[in-house]
C-alpha atoms as a PDB file:
ATOM      1  CA  MET A   1     111.400 101.796 109.892  1.00  0.00           C
ATOM      2  CA  GLU A   2     110.118  98.332 110.833  1.00  0.00           C
ATOM      3  CA  SER A   3     112.100  96.826 107.941  1.00  0.00           C
ATOM      4  CA  LEU A   4     115.235  98.512 109.193  1.00  0.00           C
ATOM      5  CA  ASN A   5     114.684  97.139 112.700  1.00  0.00           C
ATOM      6  CA  GLU A   6     114.190  93.630 111.341  1.00  0.00           C
ATOM      7  CA  LEU A   7     117.283  93.917 109.193  1.00  0.00           C
ATOM      8  CA  ASN A   8     119.314  95.132 112.180  1.00  0.00           C
ATOM      9  CA  ARG A   9     118.048  92.149 114.166  1.00  0.00           C
ATOM     10  CA  MET A  10     119.148  89.791 111.394  1.00  0.00           C
ATOM     11  CA  VAL A  11     122.605  91.384 111.179  1.00  0.00           C
ATOM     12  CA  GLU A  12     122.910  91.143 114.975  1.00  0.00           C
ATOM     13  CA  GLU A  13     122.022  87.442 114.746  1.00  0.00           C
ATOM     14  CA  LEU A  14     124.873  86.976 112.246  1.00  0.00           C
ATOM     15  CA  VAL A  15     127.318  88.792 114.534  1.00  0.00           C
ATOM     16  CA  VAL A  16     126.300  86.651 117.523  1.00  0.00           C
ATOM     17  CA  PHE A  17     126.645  83.524 115.374  1.00  0.00           C
ATOM     18  CA  ASP A  18     130.157  84.552 114.316  1.00  0.00           C
ATOM     19  CA  MET A  19     131.172  85.263 117.905  1.00  0.00           C
ATOM     20  CA  ASN A  20     129.939  81.887 119.203  1.00  0.00           C
ATOM     21  CA  SER A  21     132.718  79.325 118.807  1.00  0.00           C
ATOM     22  CA  GLY A  22     130.516  76.372 119.846  1.00  0.00           C
ATOM     23  CA  ILE A  23     131.276  73.576 122.277  1.00  0.00           C
ATOM     24  CA  THR A  24     135.001  73.111 122.814  1.00  0.00           C
ATOM     25  CA  PRO A  25     136.932  69.840 122.521  1.00  0.00           C
ATOM     26  CA  ILE A  26     137.580  69.977 126.283  1.00  0.00           C
ATOM     27  CA  GLU A  27     133.833  70.226 126.969  1.00  0.00           C
ATOM     28  CA  LEU A  28     133.248  67.259 124.663  1.00  0.00           C
ATOM     29  CA  ALA A  29     135.925  65.228 126.441  1.00  0.00           C
ATOM     30  CA  SER A  30     134.086  65.721 129.736  1.00  0.00           C
ATOM     31  CA  ASN A  31     131.146  63.767 128.233  1.00  0.00           C
ATOM     32  CA  ILE A  32     133.081  60.584 129.032  1.00  0.00           C
ATOM     33  CA  TYR A  33     131.636  60.925 132.538  1.00  0.00           C
ATOM     34  CA  GLU A  34     128.064  60.930 131.246  1.00  0.00           C
ATOM     35  CA  GLU A  35     126.089  57.717 131.281  1.00  0.00           C
ATOM     36  CA  GLY A  36     126.186  55.911 127.973  1.00  0.00           C
ATOM     37  CA  TYR A  37     129.313  57.569 126.625  1.00  0.00           C
ATOM     38  CA  THR A  38     132.065  55.018 126.142  1.00  0.00           C
ATOM     39  CA  GLU A  39     134.863  56.787 124.314  1.00  0.00           C
ATOM     40  CA  VAL A  40     136.138  60.208 123.361  1.00  0.00           C
ATOM     41  CA  ARG A  41     138.861  60.569 120.734  1.00  0.00           C
ATOM     42  CA  MET A  42     140.755  63.621 119.624  1.00  0.00           C
ATOM     43  CA  LEU A  43     143.151  63.840 116.754  1.00  0.00           C
ATOM     44  CA  LYS A  44     144.873  66.475 114.725  1.00  0.00           C
ATOM     45  CA  ARG A  45     144.578  66.211 110.937  1.00  0.00           C
ATOM     46  CA  PHE A  46     146.110  68.703 108.560  1.00  0.00           C
ATOM     47  CA  GLY A  47     146.280  71.271 111.366  1.00  0.00           C
ATOM     48  CA  LEU A  48     142.600  70.849 112.269  1.00  0.00           C
ATOM     49  CA  VAL A  49     141.197  69.055 115.312  1.00  0.00           C
ATOM     50  CA  GLU A  50     138.629  66.273 115.127  1.00  0.00           C
ATOM     51  CA  CYS A  51     136.885  65.130 118.278  1.00  0.00           C
ATOM     52  CA  SER A  52     134.740  61.999 118.232  1.00  0.00           C
ATOM     53  CA  VAL A  53     132.311  61.038 120.982  1.00  0.00           C
ATOM     54  CA  PHE A  54     130.955  57.480 121.077  1.00  0.00           C
ATOM     55  CA  PHE A  55     127.909  56.110 122.843  1.00  0.00           C
ATOM     56  CA  TYR A  56     125.474  53.230 122.606  1.00  0.00           C
ATOM     57  CA  ASP A  57     121.720  53.503 122.308  1.00  0.00           C
ATOM     58  CA  THR A  58     119.188  50.704 122.640  1.00  0.00           C
ATOM     59  CA  GLU A  59     116.648  50.400 119.823  1.00  0.00           C
ATOM     60  CA  TYR A  60     112.956  50.584 120.697  1.00  0.00           C
ATOM     61  CA  PHE A  61     111.376  47.140 121.177  1.00  0.00           C
ATOM     62  CA  SER A  62     114.789  45.483 121.036  1.00  0.00           C
ATOM     63  CA  ASP A  63     117.752  44.691 123.222  1.00  0.00           C
ATOM     64  CA  LYS A  64     120.094  45.490 120.353  1.00  0.00           C
ATOM     65  CA  LYS A  65     122.502  48.318 121.077  1.00  0.00           C
ATOM     66  CA  LEU A  66     123.469  50.695 118.296  1.00  0.00           C
ATOM     67  CA  LYS A  67     126.865  52.378 118.359  1.00  0.00           C
ATOM     68  CA  TYR A  68     126.844  56.079 117.505  1.00  0.00           C
ATOM     69  CA  GLU A  69     129.710  58.410 116.812  1.00  0.00           C
ATOM     70  CA  TYR A  70     129.394  62.151 116.728  1.00  0.00           C
ATOM     71  CA  ARG A  71     132.388  63.756 115.023  1.00  0.00           C
ATOM     72  CA  TYR A  72     133.093  67.409 115.739  1.00  0.00           C
ATOM     73  CA  LYS A  73     135.534  69.270 113.488  1.00  0.00           C
ATOM     74  CA  TYR A  74     137.388  72.416 114.583  1.00  0.00           C
ATOM     75  CA  ASP A  75     139.514  74.972 112.776  1.00  0.00           C
ATOM     76  CA  VAL A  76     142.935  76.212 113.932  1.00  0.00           C
ATOM     77  CA  ASP A  77     141.220  78.798 116.159  1.00  0.00           C
ATOM     78  CA  ASN A  78     139.337  76.036 118.007  1.00  0.00           C
ATOM     79  CA  VAL A  79     136.014  77.130 116.481  1.00  0.00           C
ATOM     80  CA  LEU A  80     133.500  74.360 115.776  1.00  0.00           C
ATOM     81  CA  GLN A  81     133.015  74.011 112.009  1.00  0.00           C
ATOM     82  CA  GLU A  82     131.007  70.836 111.503  1.00  0.00           C
ATOM     83  CA  ILE A  83     129.179  68.017 113.288  1.00  0.00           C
ATOM     84  CA  VAL A  84     128.637  64.642 111.628  1.00  0.00           C
ATOM     85  CA  GLN A  85     126.788  61.615 112.995  1.00  0.00           C
ATOM     86  CA  ILE A  86     128.130  58.196 112.093  1.00  0.00           C
ATOM     87  CA  GLN A  87     125.961  55.139 112.649  1.00  0.00           C
ATOM     88  CA  SER A  88     126.492  51.802 110.913  1.00  0.00           C
ATOM     89  CA  LYS A  89     129.207  53.414 108.768  1.00  0.00           C
ATOM     90  CA  GLN A  90     126.669  55.913 107.425  1.00  0.00           C
ATOM     91  CA  LEU A  91     127.696  59.567 107.702  1.00  0.00           C
ATOM     92  CA  THR A  92     124.916  62.083 108.306  1.00  0.00           C
ATOM     93  CA  PRO A  93     125.857  65.772 108.378  1.00  0.00           C
ATOM     94  CA  LEU A  94     124.087  67.403 111.325  1.00  0.00           C
ATOM     95  CA  TRP A  95     125.465  70.926 111.323  1.00  0.00           C
ATOM     96  CA  SER A  96     127.889  73.055 109.322  1.00  0.00           C
ATOM     97  CA  ARG A  97     129.080  76.533 110.328  1.00  0.00           C
ATOM     98  CA  LYS A  98     129.670  77.410 106.677  1.00  0.00           C
ATOM     99  CA  GLU A  99     126.123  76.413 105.658  1.00  0.00           C
ATOM    100  CA  GLU A 100     124.451  78.101 108.640  1.00  0.00           C
ATOM    101  CA  ARG A 101     126.418  81.299 108.081  1.00  0.00           C
ATOM    102  CA  SER A 102     125.582  81.245 104.389  1.00  0.00           C
ATOM    103  CA  LYS A 103     121.855  80.899 105.212  1.00  0.00           C
ATOM    104  CA  LEU A 104     122.002  83.868 107.581  1.00  0.00           C
ATOM    105  CA  ILE A 105     123.798  86.020 105.006  1.00  0.00           C
ATOM    106  CA  THR A 106     121.410  84.990 102.230  1.00  0.00           C
ATOM    107  CA  ASN A 107     118.440  85.847 104.464  1.00  0.00           C
ATOM    108  CA  ILE A 108     119.891  89.284 105.181  1.00  0.00           C
ATOM    109  CA  LEU A 109     120.564  90.022 101.509  1.00  0.00           C
ATOM    110  CA  GLU A 110     117.139  88.749 100.377  1.00  0.00           C
ATOM    111  CA  PHE A 111     115.289  90.620 103.112  1.00  0.00           C
ATOM    112  CA  ALA A 112     117.108  93.837 102.266  1.00  0.00           C
ATOM    113  CA  LYS A 113     116.307  93.380  98.587  1.00  0.00           C
ATOM    114  CA  ASP A 114     112.613  92.568  99.236  1.00  0.00           C
ATOM    115  CA  ALA A 115     112.238  95.469 101.664  1.00  0.00           C
ATOM    116  CA  ASN A 116     114.055  97.861  99.317  1.00  0.00           C
ATOM    117  CA  VAL A 117     116.577  98.645 102.046  1.00  0.00           C
ATOM    118  CA  ASN A 118     119.853  99.999 100.789  1.00  0.00           C
ATOM    119  CA  LEU A 119     122.497  97.959 102.585  1.00  0.00           C
ATOM    120  CA  GLU A 120     125.098 100.588 101.795  1.00  0.00           C
ATOM    121  CA  ASN A 121     123.425 102.768 104.407  1.00  0.00           C
ATOM    122  CA  LEU A 122     124.017 100.055 107.022  1.00  0.00           C
ATOM    123  CA  LEU A 123     127.250  98.444 105.933  1.00  0.00           C
ATOM    124  CA  SER A 124     130.293  99.565 104.079  1.00  0.00           C
ATOM    125  CA  LEU A 125     130.526  98.535 100.426  1.00  0.00           C
ATOM    126  CA  ASP A 126     133.508  96.288 101.294  1.00  0.00           C
ATOM    127  CA  ASN A 127     131.411  94.358 103.807  1.00  0.00           C
ATOM    128  CA  ILE A 128     128.560  93.929 101.320  1.00  0.00           C
ATOM    129  CA  GLN A 129     130.910  92.583  98.664  1.00  0.00           C
ATOM    130  CA  ARG A 130     132.496  90.243 101.230  1.00  0.00           C
ATOM    131  CA  LEU A 131     129.047  88.980 102.281  1.00  0.00           C
ATOM    132  CA  GLN A 132     128.022  88.407  98.680  1.00  0.00           C
ATOM    133  CA  SER A 133     131.244  86.529  97.818  1.00  0.00           C
ATOM    134  CA  GLN A 134     130.710  84.207 100.794  1.00  0.00           C
ATOM    135  CA  THR A 135     127.271  83.208  99.538  1.00  0.00           C
ATOM    136  CA  GLY A 136     128.352  82.813  95.941  1.00  0.00           C
ATOM    137  CA  SER A 137     126.029  85.641  94.803  1.00  0.00           C
END
């Protein structure tokens, strides 16, 4: 019974994740009023929206200011898909909806397998197959 409760909690976490669209481009644009933010750019590329927020940060023990860009990428439904940090022309992925969702699904499938919980009792077979195809299993 405890395994079933934990599995339900994990599935609920996935549902909440899917329902959360993340910070919107309009909310990002309002950052221009925050101290340190110097520029906000939005552009549409191949039907998707990219929003970039720029700010400067002073290095420790130095007066040198470093320019940072955080690039937020949205799908056609205005749902945040990815966040990338750009500093000194170096791109660092910070967050990816696809990767986070895949981790949640993998955790659910592995937990169910380890706990010998039959997912068919909780989900329809179609949903299980859809979950597995999204993780590449």
